Each structure stands twice: as C-alpha cells, then as structure tokens.
Amino acid sequence: MAKFVILGVAHPHIHQMTQCAKKVAGGEVLGVWDDDAARRAEAAKKMSLPEIATLDAALAMKPDVIVSAAVPTIRVDIAERALAAGAAAFIDKPLALSREALARLEKAVETHKKPVVTYYPYRGYPQMLAAKKALDAGRIGKLVRVLGCGPHKLNAPTRPAWHWTRAGNGGALLDIGSHFADLLCWFTGQTPATITAMHGNFDQPSHREFQDFGTATLRFPSGALGTIEVDWLNPASMKNFGDSRLWLQGSKGKIELRLGDVTTAEIWTHETAQQPLDVAGYEDIDTWTTRQLAELAAGRIGDVPQADIWRASRVTLAAFDSASAGGRVVEMI
C-alpha cells in the first residue's frame, strides 16, 4: 500500500493536492503535520485526517511520498528530510527561493535517488496538452513566440505575513512565474539562452518587499522568444481566482488559450480560420494530478521530468535576479 503524509499546509493548494493523494488506488494518507499547531489542527479537521505532532513522527511512518505546501522558505528543508527518510516529494510552487536552496535540493536528489516534483497543474490541463500536440504536429509551423500571462487575485486580507516578504515567498516572478517558466520551456523544448526581467510594486505600499507585477523576456537557442507576464492585480469582480492566458505564435498560424472566467482553446492556420482545439479524450486535471502522485508512490516520475523541475526553478530565479538588477541580461546557457 502506498503511503502519503502531508507536510506543511500554509498554502491552500494543499487541499487539492491532498484530495488527489486520497484518490490514488491502493494508497493511504496517514496524517498531516505543520510547524504551526493552529494551522495544523485546522487543516487536519478540514481534510478529515489525523494530526501528526512532529516532523520526526511523520517521517517515522515511512511514507512513500510526502506532499507539501509549507511556507516556501522551508520547503527545501522539508524535502531534504523526506528524501533522506526514503520518500519522494510532491511540493507546491515555488520550489526554491534561492540558488543555494535549489543546489542543496539537487544534491539531495542525487544522493538519495528519490525525485522531487513541483506541483505544476497547468501541464495537465487538456487545453495545454491539445496545444502541445498541435504544435508538435506542425500545425502552426515553426514556433516564433510563446506568451504566458497569469493574473491572480490578491485577496490581501487573507494573506499571511510570509506572503509579503522576499524571504517568505519571493514576489510575482518566483511565485506565479514558476508556472509559466515551466510552460514556456516545455512548449519550446529548450532552456532559454538569456533572460531579461522587470518587476514592481504598484498597489502595496505597506509591503515594500513585495512585487505585485513581473514580466520576463526569454530568448531560446532556436530564436524563439518567450514572454512571461504575471501579477496579483486580477480584478476582484472576476469569478475565478486566476485568468491565465497562453498565446503560441507560429510561422504558419497561432494558438490561443484562456483558463479563467472563460475557458477557450483555439487555433488559426493559413488554411483554416478559427477552430476549437480538440480537447476530448484527455484526463481532467484532478485525474492527471492523481496519476502523478501514483507514479511517485510506485517509484517512478510522471509527466514532468526531474530535469524540467530544476529548469523551471532556475529560470524563475534568473528572472528575479534580472528584475532586481533593473533588467540586467542573465545568460542561462
């Protein structure tokens, strides 16, 4: 029987991650730990799981996989402990808030031969998979540009203190940007050669370390350009928390996706006017996530290779460095 434990519940993504862990065939979620007792008790009640008093006690249960949405600054510490205890790790984004932390985690994976996977659900959306299939089939020709936009609602009164700090969360580029760093590299199949980024705080003067808007330009070895634009400025009037967009411009056509109050996936080519992409036959996102967890529990990595996990973190860290230096060009390869 595959065993899961929940280690860290600071971010609400943990509830969806836990629900998917509960759906793994032949699996069991043993309990929940968090370093904050009140947060742990509240989450355990909501998840209908027993509390685990200490991290040592949780790891003593010999889980196959740990699932974590802890405060970002301690996610690498938790993952290192889990890997050393023989567990794989499934961790919310952002994975690492510094190059040093990422290097520590890479070394731990190499040492203990257990994977660390970041929760990148956009990879599993049928619309994204249909777009990747159309691109790989050459339907829009050579890829020229990928633009990923991730507006999110801030809901400021609900945000904990760590959310506003560089040490605790890292701002828009590290947090939301990690999704799109992964997507752009996945669609191009490459690591960017250079990155240039800018960010700023436009609406939170009381939180001086926070950036509520960020943009990055990625140049890939193929010549393709990538743009990431992320923010915490999504209007409160929108129904959905996020309003993600993706535009793929090719030499012979384009693809546009929207995942928000409206969900669309459309393609244009020289031969054919606007058409919906065929998203039939793909798993829903919860089924996709459950399958990633089942793969980890079985000792395998799922649809997001380990190299892609490291790459997305490196790209976001490079983008943050560029933005912090006023848009300095950062060379990746």
Protein backbone atom coordinates (compact mmCIF):
# COMPACT_ATOMS: atom_id res chain seq x y z
CA MET A 1 0.00 0.00 0.00
CA ALA A 2 1.35 3.42 -0.98
CA LYS A 3 1.70 5.73 1.99
CA PHE A 4 1.43 9.53 1.86
CA VAL A 5 1.90 12.15 4.57
CA ILE A 6 1.09 15.85 4.36
CA LEU A 7 3.99 18.02 5.50
CA GLY A 8 3.07 21.68 5.54
CA VAL A 9 -0.31 23.29 4.85
CA ALA A 10 0.49 27.00 4.65
CA HIS A 11 -0.79 27.42 1.09
CA PRO A 12 -4.37 26.40 0.20
CA HIS A 13 -3.17 24.44 -2.83
CA ILE A 14 -2.52 21.68 -0.30
CA HIS A 15 -6.21 20.82 -0.16
CA GLN A 16 -6.42 19.94 -3.84
CA MET A 17 -3.10 18.10 -3.64
CA THR A 18 -4.36 16.10 -0.67
CA GLN A 19 -7.67 15.23 -2.33
CA CYS A 20 -5.72 13.81 -5.27
CA ALA A 21 -3.45 11.83 -2.94
CA LYS A 22 -6.54 10.30 -1.35
CA LYS A 23 -7.66 9.10 -4.79
CA VAL A 24 -4.51 7.10 -5.53
CA ALA A 25 -5.60 3.48 -5.92
CA GLY A 26 -4.22 1.36 -3.11
CA GLY A 27 -2.92 4.42 -1.31
CA GLU A 28 -3.47 5.93 2.11
CA VAL A 29 -2.88 9.41 3.50
CA LEU A 30 -1.62 8.81 7.03
CA GLY A 31 -1.92 12.28 8.50
CA VAL A 32 -0.92 15.93 8.44
CA TRP A 33 1.91 17.87 10.05
CA ASP A 34 2.67 21.59 10.03
CA ASP A 35 5.09 23.59 12.15
CA ASP A 36 2.22 25.85 13.21
CA ALA A 37 -0.05 23.97 15.61
CA ALA A 38 -3.17 26.04 14.92
CA ARG A 39 -2.71 25.76 11.16
CA ARG A 40 -2.13 22.02 11.50
CA ALA A 41 -5.27 21.48 13.55
CA GLU A 42 -7.43 23.48 11.17
CA ALA A 43 -6.13 21.63 8.12
CA ALA A 44 -6.44 18.21 9.75
CA LYS A 45 -10.07 18.92 10.56
CA LYS A 46 -10.82 20.15 7.05
CA MET A 47 -9.03 17.17 5.47
CA SER A 48 -10.52 14.62 7.90
CA LEU A 49 -7.03 13.38 8.70
CA PRO A 50 -5.21 12.78 11.99
CA GLU A 51 -2.69 15.35 13.18
CA ILE A 52 0.96 14.35 13.42
CA ALA A 53 2.69 16.20 16.24
CA THR A 54 6.24 16.41 14.86
CA LEU A 55 8.11 16.16 11.60
CA ASP A 56 10.17 13.31 13.03
CA ALA A 57 6.99 11.38 13.83
CA ALA A 58 5.65 11.94 10.33
CA LEU A 59 8.81 10.65 8.69
CA ALA A 60 8.94 7.70 11.10
CA MET A 61 5.74 6.49 9.41
CA LYS A 62 7.94 5.64 6.39
CA PRO A 63 5.87 7.40 3.74
CA ASP A 64 6.47 6.67 0.09
CA VAL A 65 5.61 10.25 -0.85
CA ILE A 66 5.37 13.46 1.12
CA VAL A 67 3.00 16.17 -0.11
CA SER A 68 3.87 19.70 0.93
CA ALA A 69 2.62 23.26 0.63
CA ALA A 70 4.59 24.53 3.60
CA VAL A 71 5.73 28.13 3.91
CA PRO A 72 8.01 28.40 0.85
CA THR A 73 11.11 29.26 2.81
CA ILE A 74 11.13 25.80 4.49
CA ARG A 75 10.04 23.64 1.55
CA VAL A 76 13.58 22.68 0.62
CA ASP A 77 14.36 21.78 4.25
CA ILE A 78 11.31 19.52 4.39
CA ALA A 79 12.12 17.89 1.06
CA GLU A 80 15.70 17.18 2.15
CA ARG A 81 14.45 15.47 5.32
CA ALA A 82 11.92 13.46 3.33
CA LEU A 83 14.43 12.28 0.74
CA ALA A 84 16.84 11.22 3.48
CA ALA A 85 13.98 9.21 5.04
CA GLY A 86 13.37 7.37 1.75
CA ALA A 87 10.35 9.30 0.45
CA ALA A 88 9.74 11.08 -2.83
CA ALA A 89 8.44 14.64 -2.59
CA PHE A 90 5.49 16.38 -4.27
CA ILE A 91 5.77 20.08 -3.47
CA ASP A 92 3.77 23.18 -4.28
CA LYS A 93 5.42 26.03 -6.17
CA PRO A 94 7.62 27.95 -5.74
CA LEU A 95 10.05 25.13 -5.02
CA ALA A 96 13.18 27.10 -4.08
CA LEU A 97 13.60 30.78 -3.25
CA SER A 98 17.37 30.92 -3.77
CA ARG A 99 20.03 29.32 -5.92
CA GLU A 100 21.68 27.94 -2.79
CA ALA A 101 18.50 26.18 -1.69
CA LEU A 102 17.98 24.73 -5.17
CA ALA A 103 21.55 23.44 -5.26
CA ARG A 104 21.05 21.74 -1.87
CA LEU A 105 17.94 20.01 -3.15
CA GLU A 106 19.59 18.87 -6.38
CA LYS A 107 22.39 17.34 -4.31
CA ALA A 108 19.85 15.59 -2.05
CA VAL A 109 18.08 14.04 -5.07
CA GLU A 110 21.42 12.83 -6.42
CA THR A 111 22.43 11.42 -3.05
CA HIS A 112 19.20 9.68 -2.08
CA LYS A 113 17.96 8.70 -5.55
CA LYS A 114 14.43 9.93 -4.85
CA PRO A 115 12.63 12.52 -7.01
CA VAL A 116 11.24 15.92 -6.14
CA VAL A 117 8.32 17.05 -8.28
CA THR A 118 6.82 20.53 -8.22
CA TYR A 119 3.04 20.76 -8.49
CA TYR A 120 2.62 22.27 -11.98
CA PRO A 121 -1.04 21.55 -12.79
CA TYR A 122 -1.04 23.63 -15.98
CA ARG A 123 0.94 20.77 -17.54
CA GLY A 124 -2.08 18.53 -17.12
CA TYR A 125 -4.88 20.74 -18.42
CA PRO A 126 -6.48 19.27 -21.57
CA GLN A 127 -6.18 22.63 -23.30
CA MET A 128 -2.42 22.74 -22.74
CA LEU A 129 -1.96 19.16 -23.86
CA ALA A 130 -4.03 19.75 -27.00
CA ALA A 131 -1.98 22.86 -27.79
CA LYS A 132 1.30 20.96 -27.35
CA LYS A 133 0.03 18.20 -29.63
CA ALA A 134 -0.96 20.70 -32.32
CA LEU A 135 2.40 22.48 -32.06
CA ASP A 136 4.39 19.24 -32.22
CA ALA A 137 2.36 18.16 -35.26
CA GLY A 138 3.49 21.30 -37.07
CA ARG A 139 0.04 22.78 -37.44
CA ILE A 140 1.24 26.35 -36.80
CA GLY A 141 4.67 25.93 -38.36
CA LYS A 142 7.87 26.96 -36.62
CA LEU A 143 7.37 28.38 -33.14
CA VAL A 144 8.18 32.09 -33.11
CA ARG A 145 6.87 33.29 -29.75
CA VAL A 146 5.18 31.98 -26.61
CA LEU A 147 3.40 34.43 -24.30
CA GLY A 148 2.12 33.24 -20.93
CA CYS A 149 0.06 35.55 -18.70
CA GLY A 150 -1.01 34.77 -15.16
CA PRO A 151 -3.14 37.44 -13.49
CA HIS A 152 -4.16 36.38 -9.98
CA LYS A 153 -6.40 37.93 -7.36
CA LEU A 154 -4.51 39.14 -4.34
CA ASN A 155 -7.22 38.88 -1.65
CA ALA A 156 -4.87 40.87 0.57
CA PRO A 157 -6.73 40.48 3.90
CA THR A 158 -6.36 36.70 3.71
CA ARG A 159 -2.60 36.72 3.08
CA PRO A 160 -0.25 35.65 5.89
CA ALA A 161 2.80 37.72 6.80
CA TRP A 162 5.24 35.46 4.93
CA HIS A 163 3.45 36.10 1.63
CA TRP A 164 4.68 39.70 1.52
CA THR A 165 8.39 39.07 2.02
CA ARG A 166 11.29 38.17 -0.26
CA ALA A 167 12.45 35.52 2.19
CA GLY A 168 8.98 34.06 2.55
CA ASN A 169 7.61 33.99 -0.98
CA GLY A 170 9.65 35.95 -3.48
CA GLY A 171 7.04 38.04 -5.27
CA ALA A 172 5.18 37.52 -8.52
CA LEU A 173 8.05 36.23 -10.68
CA LEU A 174 9.09 33.45 -8.30
CA ASP A 175 5.57 32.50 -7.22
CA ILE A 176 3.19 32.75 -10.17
CA GLY A 177 6.04 32.97 -12.68
CA SER A 178 7.21 29.42 -11.97
CA HIS A 179 4.13 28.01 -13.72
CA PHE A 180 4.91 29.91 -16.88
CA ALA A 181 8.64 29.31 -16.81
CA ASP A 182 7.83 25.62 -16.89
CA LEU A 183 5.26 26.01 -19.68
CA LEU A 184 7.44 28.13 -21.95
CA CYS A 185 10.37 25.76 -21.66
CA TRP A 186 8.06 22.79 -22.24
CA PHE A 187 6.49 24.25 -25.38
CA THR A 188 9.83 25.24 -26.87
CA GLY A 189 11.58 22.10 -25.65
CA GLN A 190 14.55 24.25 -24.68
CA THR A 191 16.31 26.14 -21.92
CA PRO A 192 16.44 29.88 -22.61
CA ALA A 193 19.80 31.28 -23.62
CA THR A 194 19.12 34.66 -21.99
CA ILE A 195 16.54 36.20 -19.67
CA THR A 196 15.68 39.83 -19.07
CA ALA A 197 13.04 40.77 -16.49
CA MET A 198 11.42 43.65 -14.63
CA HIS A 199 9.09 43.75 -11.63
CA GLY A 200 7.49 46.26 -9.36
CA ASN A 201 5.15 47.04 -6.50
CA PHE A 202 2.23 49.08 -7.82
CA ASP A 203 -0.52 48.63 -5.26
CA GLN A 204 1.01 47.53 -1.94
CA PRO A 205 2.94 50.46 -0.47
CA SER A 206 2.78 48.97 3.02
CA HIS A 207 4.64 45.85 1.83
CA ARG A 208 7.88 47.20 0.47
CA GLU A 209 9.50 43.82 -0.31
CA PHE A 210 6.55 42.61 -2.36
CA GLN A 211 6.22 42.75 -6.14
CA ASP A 212 2.68 42.53 -7.48
CA PHE A 213 3.70 42.66 -11.15
CA GLY A 214 6.50 40.99 -13.10
CA THR A 215 7.47 40.43 -16.70
CA ALA A 216 10.32 38.46 -18.26
CA THR A 217 11.58 38.00 -21.81
CA LEU A 218 13.26 34.72 -22.67
CA ARG A 219 15.31 34.13 -25.82
CA PHE A 220 15.67 30.47 -26.75
CA PRO A 221 18.51 28.91 -28.78
CA SER A 222 16.09 28.27 -31.67
CA GLY A 223 15.49 32.02 -31.92
CA ALA A 224 12.01 31.75 -30.44
CA LEU A 225 11.03 34.38 -27.92
CA GLY A 226 9.12 33.80 -24.71
CA THR A 227 7.32 36.32 -22.54
CA ILE A 228 6.05 35.80 -19.01
CA GLU A 229 3.69 38.37 -17.53
CA VAL A 230 2.33 37.71 -14.04
CA ASP A 231 0.58 39.83 -11.45
CA TRP A 232 -1.53 39.99 -8.31
CA LEU A 233 -3.85 42.57 -9.88
CA ASN A 234 -6.68 40.42 -11.24
CA PRO A 235 -9.93 42.34 -10.63
CA ALA A 236 -11.98 41.23 -7.63
CA SER A 237 -15.08 41.29 -9.84
CA MET A 238 -13.88 38.22 -11.76
CA LYS A 239 -15.37 34.90 -10.74
CA ASN A 240 -12.14 32.93 -10.93
CA PHE A 241 -9.07 33.49 -8.80
CA GLY A 242 -6.85 33.39 -11.88
CA ASP A 243 -7.26 34.33 -15.53
CA SER A 244 -4.39 32.55 -17.26
CA ARG A 245 -3.65 33.03 -20.96
CA LEU A 246 -1.27 31.42 -23.40
CA TRP A 247 -0.52 32.55 -26.95
CA LEU A 248 1.59 30.46 -29.30
CA GLN A 249 2.64 32.30 -32.47
CA GLY A 250 3.99 30.15 -35.25
CA SER A 251 5.26 30.88 -38.74
CA LYS A 252 2.06 29.41 -40.24
CA GLY A 253 -0.60 30.00 -37.60
CA LYS A 254 -1.36 30.64 -33.94
CA ILE A 255 -2.97 29.08 -30.88
CA GLU A 256 -4.69 30.98 -28.09
CA LEU A 257 -5.77 29.53 -24.73
CA ARG A 258 -7.67 31.04 -21.84
CA LEU A 259 -8.28 29.46 -18.46
CA GLY A 260 -10.36 31.76 -16.28
CA ASP A 261 -13.92 33.05 -16.19
CA VAL A 262 -13.99 31.85 -19.79
CA THR A 263 -12.16 28.70 -20.93
CA THR A 264 -11.21 28.53 -24.61
CA ALA A 265 -8.63 26.75 -26.76
CA GLU A 266 -8.48 27.85 -30.39
CA ILE A 267 -6.23 27.55 -33.41
CA TRP A 268 -5.83 29.55 -36.62
CA THR A 269 -3.79 28.47 -39.65
CA HIS A 270 -3.32 29.88 -43.16
CA GLU A 271 -5.67 27.20 -44.48
CA THR A 272 -8.31 27.18 -41.75
CA ALA A 273 -9.97 30.01 -39.84
CA GLN A 274 -10.60 30.00 -36.10
CA GLN A 275 -11.32 26.49 -34.82
CA PRO A 276 -11.51 24.98 -31.33
CA LEU A 277 -8.73 22.59 -30.42
CA ASP A 278 -9.92 19.05 -29.79
CA VAL A 279 -9.62 18.50 -26.03
CA ALA A 280 -11.65 15.28 -25.96
CA GLY A 281 -10.02 12.19 -24.54
CA TYR A 282 -7.66 13.95 -22.14
CA GLU A 283 -7.76 13.41 -18.37
CA ASP A 284 -9.25 16.12 -16.20
CA ILE A 285 -6.73 17.95 -14.05
CA ASP A 286 -7.54 16.04 -10.85
CA THR A 287 -7.09 12.69 -12.61
CA TRP A 288 -3.81 13.92 -14.08
CA THR A 289 -2.56 15.04 -10.65
CA THR A 290 -3.61 11.77 -9.04
CA ARG A 291 -1.65 9.89 -11.69
CA GLN A 292 1.49 11.95 -10.97
CA LEU A 293 1.21 11.02 -7.29
CA ALA A 294 0.62 7.35 -8.13
CA GLU A 295 3.75 7.34 -10.28
CA LEU A 296 5.82 8.79 -7.45
CA ALA A 297 4.43 6.23 -5.00
CA ALA A 298 5.43 3.47 -7.43
CA GLY A 299 9.00 4.77 -7.56
CA ARG A 300 8.68 6.48 -10.92
CA ILE A 301 8.49 10.07 -12.07
CA GLY A 302 5.40 11.14 -14.01
CA ASP A 303 4.84 13.59 -16.84
CA VAL A 304 7.19 16.34 -15.59
CA PRO A 305 10.79 15.05 -15.70
CA GLN A 306 13.21 15.91 -12.92
CA ALA A 307 15.31 17.99 -15.30
CA ASP A 308 12.25 20.12 -16.10
CA ILE A 309 11.65 20.76 -12.40
CA TRP A 310 15.18 22.09 -11.95
CA ARG A 311 14.98 24.12 -15.16
CA ALA A 312 11.79 25.96 -14.19
CA SER A 313 13.28 26.93 -10.83
CA ARG A 314 16.50 28.16 -12.44
CA VAL A 315 14.55 30.26 -14.93
CA THR A 316 12.46 31.97 -12.26
CA LEU A 317 15.48 32.62 -10.06
CA ALA A 318 17.32 34.11 -13.04
CA ALA A 319 14.29 36.27 -13.86
CA PHE A 320 14.14 37.53 -10.28
CA ASP A 321 17.85 38.33 -10.33
CA SER A 322 17.47 40.22 -13.61
CA ALA A 323 14.49 42.22 -12.34
CA SER A 324 16.25 43.02 -9.05
CA ALA A 325 19.18 44.37 -11.08
CA GLY A 326 16.96 46.65 -13.14
CA GLY A 327 16.59 44.36 -16.15
CA ARG A 328 20.16 43.08 -16.45
CA VAL A 329 20.55 40.33 -19.07
CA VAL A 330 21.15 36.94 -17.40
CA GLU A 331 22.78 34.24 -19.50
CA MET A 332 21.44 30.75 -18.87
CA ILE A 333 23.47 28.65 -21.34
